[in-house]
């Protein structure tokens, strides 16, 4: 709940009223300071808690308005041309309102920083250097005994690890070439039909190498009608390679 001003010419926050007076959108003569003071006292009786910051702001601004009215009512003495002109009270009020707004916004920002800093807990002093004191927390065990037990546990763990033997892979390319020729001797086939010889990715690679080697030697014709299409294989008629035997192969 914030302090609201209720006047015939204005209704709203006290800070906005001061801003309107500064911009001369509300006449100072239409602002009854006595009524504003009564409304402020009613506000305090409702909230039942005295906000010192709000009270200080109200007293400063109310005093400024009273001073402005008083100086405007008093007749101004005629001054000589050499004497400096007396400052305009409205201009003085505008400067004070600018200072008030500046410090008011700064106080809001400081409040936000205070809330943000409240979530942090910085280390205020370095931690003291701790001294090592061995008090045998596990009964009569000694550091030497603990070290020996740890070594035994690690040794038992290493013994349980499985040791895998890497076997040398042998590739029988000539044998796969004979198998391809034997299969094509019965009828032409597609390359995918020859993959039945393989049970792994390596077997597929060996079959492909066998087909390419047979095509290079002219013993197998390779045909592919379109890129990435079906690869058709058939027996060749000679020992020398020919471009037609690998027609359209991609």
Protein backbone atom coordinates (compact mmCIF):
# COMPACT_ATOMS: atom_id res chain seq x y z
CA UNK A 1 0.00 0.00 0.00
CA UNK A 2 1.47 3.36 -1.07
CA UNK A 3 0.54 6.88 -0.12
CA UNK A 4 -2.05 8.29 -2.56
CA UNK A 5 -3.09 11.94 -2.88
CA UNK A 6 -6.81 12.65 -3.40
CA UNK A 7 -7.51 16.18 -4.69
CA UNK A 8 -10.07 17.69 -7.05
CA UNK A 9 -7.32 18.42 -9.57
CA UNK A 10 -5.24 15.30 -9.03
CA UNK A 11 -5.50 11.73 -7.74
CA UNK A 12 -2.50 9.44 -7.54
CA UNK A 13 0.95 8.93 -6.00
CA UNK A 14 2.69 11.80 -4.27
CA UNK A 15 5.78 11.46 -6.48
CA UNK A 16 3.71 11.89 -9.64
CA UNK A 17 2.08 15.04 -8.24
CA UNK A 18 5.48 16.61 -7.77
CA UNK A 19 6.44 15.64 -11.30
CA UNK A 20 3.30 17.27 -12.71
CA UNK A 21 3.98 20.47 -10.75
CA UNK A 22 7.51 20.49 -12.13
CA UNK A 23 6.18 20.29 -15.68
CA UNK A 24 3.51 22.90 -14.82
CA UNK A 25 0.69 20.51 -15.73
CA UNK A 26 -0.81 21.15 -12.28
CA UNK A 27 -0.85 24.65 -10.80
CA UNK A 28 0.81 25.12 -7.44
CA UNK A 29 -2.11 27.32 -6.38
CA UNK A 30 -4.53 24.39 -6.81
CA UNK A 31 -2.63 22.21 -4.33
CA UNK A 32 -3.98 22.59 -0.76
CA UNK A 33 -1.05 21.53 1.40
CA UNK A 34 -3.27 21.28 4.49
CA UNK A 35 -5.48 18.70 2.77
CA UNK A 36 -2.45 16.72 1.61
CA UNK A 37 -1.16 16.69 5.20
CA UNK A 38 -4.52 15.45 6.51
CA UNK A 39 -4.58 12.67 3.93
CA UNK A 40 -1.05 11.67 4.86
CA UNK A 41 -2.01 11.43 8.54
CA UNK A 42 -5.03 9.30 7.59
CA UNK A 43 -2.71 7.06 5.60
CA UNK A 44 -0.49 6.57 8.64
CA UNK A 45 -3.49 5.67 10.79
CA UNK A 46 -4.54 3.02 8.28
CA UNK A 47 -1.20 1.31 7.81
CA UNK A 48 -0.38 1.69 11.54
CA UNK A 49 3.31 1.48 10.69
CA UNK A 50 5.47 4.56 10.33
CA UNK A 51 7.63 4.37 7.22
CA UNK A 52 10.54 6.66 8.04
CA UNK A 53 11.63 6.87 4.42
CA UNK A 54 8.16 7.84 3.25
CA UNK A 55 7.79 10.31 6.12
CA UNK A 56 11.10 11.97 5.26
CA UNK A 57 10.15 12.25 1.59
CA UNK A 58 6.77 13.72 2.47
CA UNK A 59 8.20 16.29 4.87
CA UNK A 60 10.82 17.44 2.38
CA UNK A 61 8.38 17.80 -0.49
CA UNK A 62 5.67 19.38 1.65
CA UNK A 63 8.16 21.91 2.99
CA UNK A 64 9.26 22.65 -0.55
CA UNK A 65 5.66 23.31 -1.62
CA UNK A 66 5.07 25.58 1.38
CA UNK A 67 8.23 27.52 0.62
CA UNK A 68 7.21 27.85 -3.01
CA UNK A 69 3.79 29.20 -2.10
CA UNK A 70 5.20 31.59 0.49
CA UNK A 71 7.78 33.03 -1.88
CA UNK A 72 5.17 33.42 -4.58
CA UNK A 73 2.85 35.36 -2.23
CA UNK A 74 5.49 37.78 -1.00
CA UNK A 75 6.00 40.89 -3.14
CA UNK A 76 9.30 40.98 -4.91
CA UNK A 77 11.40 44.13 -4.33
CA UNK A 78 12.49 46.07 -7.35
CA UNK A 79 16.10 45.23 -8.07
CA UNK A 80 18.66 47.30 -9.87
CA UNK A 81 19.96 46.18 -13.21
CA UNK A 82 23.38 45.50 -11.70
CA UNK A 83 22.05 43.18 -9.00
CA UNK A 84 21.48 39.57 -10.03
CA UNK A 85 17.85 38.58 -10.47
CA UNK A 86 16.31 36.44 -7.75
CA UNK A 87 15.95 32.83 -8.86
CA UNK A 88 12.54 31.69 -9.99
CA UNK A 89 10.95 29.52 -7.25
CA UNK A 90 9.49 27.17 -9.88
CA UNK A 91 12.94 26.57 -11.31
CA UNK A 92 14.30 25.90 -7.84
CA UNK A 93 11.48 23.41 -7.21
CA UNK A 94 12.23 21.71 -10.52
CA UNK A 95 15.88 21.28 -9.54
CA UNK A 96 14.91 19.85 -6.17
CA UNK A 97 12.46 17.47 -7.78
CA UNK A 98 15.14 16.29 -10.18
CA UNK A 99 17.47 15.63 -7.25
CA UNK A 100 14.66 13.85 -5.44
CA UNK A 101 13.90 11.64 -8.42
CA UNK A 102 17.58 10.84 -8.91
CA UNK A 103 18.07 9.75 -5.32
CA UNK A 104 14.72 7.96 -5.28
CA UNK A 105 15.66 5.82 -8.28
CA UNK A 106 19.10 5.21 -6.78
CA UNK A 107 17.49 3.99 -3.56
CA UNK A 108 15.35 1.54 -5.52
CA UNK A 109 18.44 0.19 -7.27
CA UNK A 110 20.32 -0.11 -3.98
CA UNK A 111 17.38 -2.06 -2.59
CA UNK A 112 17.56 -4.48 -5.51
CA UNK A 113 21.30 -4.91 -5.01
CA UNK A 114 20.70 -5.57 -1.31
CA UNK A 115 18.25 -8.35 -2.14
CA UNK A 116 20.64 -9.88 -4.68
CA UNK A 117 23.58 -9.70 -2.28
CA UNK A 118 21.49 -11.35 0.42
CA UNK A 119 21.54 -14.58 -1.59
CA UNK A 120 25.33 -14.76 -1.54
CA UNK A 121 27.52 -15.85 1.32
CA UNK A 122 31.11 -14.79 0.61
CA UNK A 123 34.02 -16.19 2.54
CA UNK A 124 34.95 -13.49 5.00
CA UNK A 125 38.30 -14.95 6.08
CA UNK A 126 40.62 -17.69 4.87
CA UNK A 127 40.24 -21.09 6.44
CA UNK A 128 42.80 -21.82 9.11
CA UNK A 129 45.51 -24.28 8.24
CA UNK A 130 44.61 -27.57 9.85
CA UNK A 131 47.19 -29.77 11.48
CA UNK A 132 47.18 -33.51 10.87
CA UNK A 133 46.55 -35.52 14.02
CA UNK A 134 46.19 -39.29 13.60
CA UNK A 135 44.03 -40.62 16.40
CA UNK A 136 43.51 -44.16 15.05
CA UNK A 137 39.81 -43.83 14.17
CA UNK A 138 39.55 -47.55 13.28
CA UNK A 139 40.62 -49.09 16.51
CA UNK A 140 44.14 -50.45 16.65
CA UNK A 141 44.79 -50.14 12.89
CA UNK A 142 47.99 -48.41 11.83
CA UNK A 143 48.76 -46.59 8.56
CA UNK A 144 51.01 -49.46 7.52
CA UNK A 145 48.20 -51.98 8.05
CA UNK A 146 45.72 -49.89 6.08
CA UNK A 147 48.20 -49.53 3.22
CA UNK A 148 48.76 -53.28 3.09
CA UNK A 149 45.02 -54.02 3.11
CA UNK A 150 44.44 -51.54 0.28
CA UNK A 151 47.18 -53.19 -1.78
CA UNK A 152 45.59 -56.62 -1.25
CA UNK A 153 42.19 -55.34 -2.40
CA UNK A 154 43.66 -53.81 -5.55
CA UNK A 155 45.59 -56.98 -6.33
CA UNK A 156 42.46 -59.11 -6.01
CA UNK A 157 40.58 -56.73 -8.29
CA UNK A 158 43.26 -56.95 -10.98
CA UNK A 159 43.11 -60.75 -10.85
CA UNK A 160 39.38 -60.72 -11.55
CA UNK A 161 39.74 -58.64 -14.70
CA UNK A 162 39.05 -60.55 -17.90
CA UNK A 163 41.90 -60.80 -20.38
CA UNK A 164 40.80 -60.93 -23.99
CA UNK A 165 42.94 -62.51 -26.67
CA UNK A 166 43.15 -60.72 -30.00
CA UNK A 167 43.18 -63.20 -32.84
CA UNK A 168 44.74 -62.48 -36.19
CA UNK A 169 42.15 -62.23 -38.94
CA UNK A 170 42.98 -64.13 -42.10
CA UNK A 171 41.38 -63.11 -45.40
CA UNK A 172 41.11 -65.71 -48.19
CA UNK A 173 40.57 -63.47 -51.21
CA UNK A 174 41.41 -66.17 -53.84
CA UNK A 175 38.94 -68.55 -52.20
CA UNK A 176 36.20 -65.91 -52.28
CA UNK A 177 36.96 -65.23 -55.97
CA UNK A 178 36.49 -68.94 -56.75
CA UNK A 179 33.21 -68.96 -54.86
CA UNK A 180 31.94 -65.98 -56.87
CA UNK A 181 32.90 -67.62 -60.20
CA UNK A 182 31.22 -70.86 -59.13
CA UNK A 183 28.02 -69.03 -58.31
CA UNK A 184 27.98 -67.03 -61.56
CA UNK A 185 28.66 -70.18 -63.61
CA UNK A 186 25.12 -71.33 -62.85
CA UNK A 187 23.36 -68.07 -63.75
CA UNK A 188 23.90 -64.27 -63.64
CA UNK A 189 23.29 -62.77 -60.24
CA UNK A 190 23.00 -59.47 -58.49
CA UNK A 191 25.76 -58.34 -56.20
CA UNK A 192 23.39 -58.46 -53.21
CA UNK A 193 22.90 -62.19 -53.85
CA UNK A 194 26.60 -62.80 -53.23
CA UNK A 195 26.47 -61.31 -49.77
CA UNK A 196 25.12 -64.61 -48.46
CA UNK A 197 28.76 -65.65 -48.21
CA UNK A 198 29.36 -63.10 -45.50
CA UNK A 199 28.37 -63.12 -41.87
CA UNK A 200 30.10 -59.90 -40.90
CA UNK A 201 31.04 -56.54 -42.33
CA UNK A 202 34.51 -57.85 -43.10
CA UNK A 203 33.04 -60.69 -45.20
CA UNK A 204 31.06 -58.16 -47.24
CA UNK A 205 34.23 -56.18 -47.91
CA UNK A 206 36.08 -59.32 -49.02
CA UNK A 207 33.24 -60.21 -51.41
CA UNK A 208 33.35 -56.72 -52.93
CA UNK A 209 37.12 -56.93 -53.38
CA UNK A 210 36.75 -60.34 -55.03
CA UNK A 211 34.20 -59.00 -57.54
CA UNK A 212 36.38 -55.98 -58.37
CA UNK A 213 39.44 -58.16 -58.88
CA UNK A 214 37.51 -60.54 -61.17
CA UNK A 215 36.19 -57.59 -63.15
CA UNK A 216 39.72 -56.22 -63.51
CA UNK A 217 40.87 -59.54 -64.93
CA UNK A 218 37.90 -59.71 -67.30
CA UNK A 219 36.39 -62.82 -65.73
CA UNK A 220 33.25 -61.02 -64.53
CA UNK A 221 31.04 -58.46 -66.25
CA UNK A 222 29.56 -55.75 -64.03
CA UNK A 223 26.55 -53.68 -65.10
CA UNK A 224 24.65 -50.89 -63.35
CA UNK A 225 21.90 -49.01 -65.21
CA UNK A 226 21.74 -45.96 -62.93
CA UNK A 227 23.80 -44.51 -60.10
CA UNK A 228 23.31 -46.43 -56.87
CA UNK A 229 21.10 -48.89 -58.70
CA UNK A 230 21.19 -52.69 -58.74
CA UNK A 231 24.58 -54.17 -59.65
CA UNK A 232 24.24 -57.13 -62.04
CA UNK A 233 27.04 -59.66 -62.41
CA UNK A 234 27.74 -62.26 -65.11
CA UNK A 235 30.69 -64.30 -66.32
CA UNK A 236 33.15 -62.64 -68.65
CA UNK A 237 34.60 -64.08 -71.87
CA UNK A 238 38.26 -63.12 -71.63
CA UNK A 239 41.21 -62.48 -69.37
CA UNK A 240 41.73 -58.78 -70.25
CA UNK A 241 39.61 -56.02 -68.67
CA UNK A 242 37.17 -54.13 -70.87
CA UNK A 243 35.27 -50.89 -70.19
CA UNK A 244 32.01 -52.61 -71.10
CA UNK A 245 32.49 -55.10 -68.28
CA UNK A 246 32.12 -52.31 -65.72
CA UNK A 247 29.54 -50.26 -67.61
CA UNK A 248 27.91 -47.52 -65.55
CA UNK A 249 29.34 -48.78 -62.27
CA UNK A 250 28.93 -46.30 -59.38
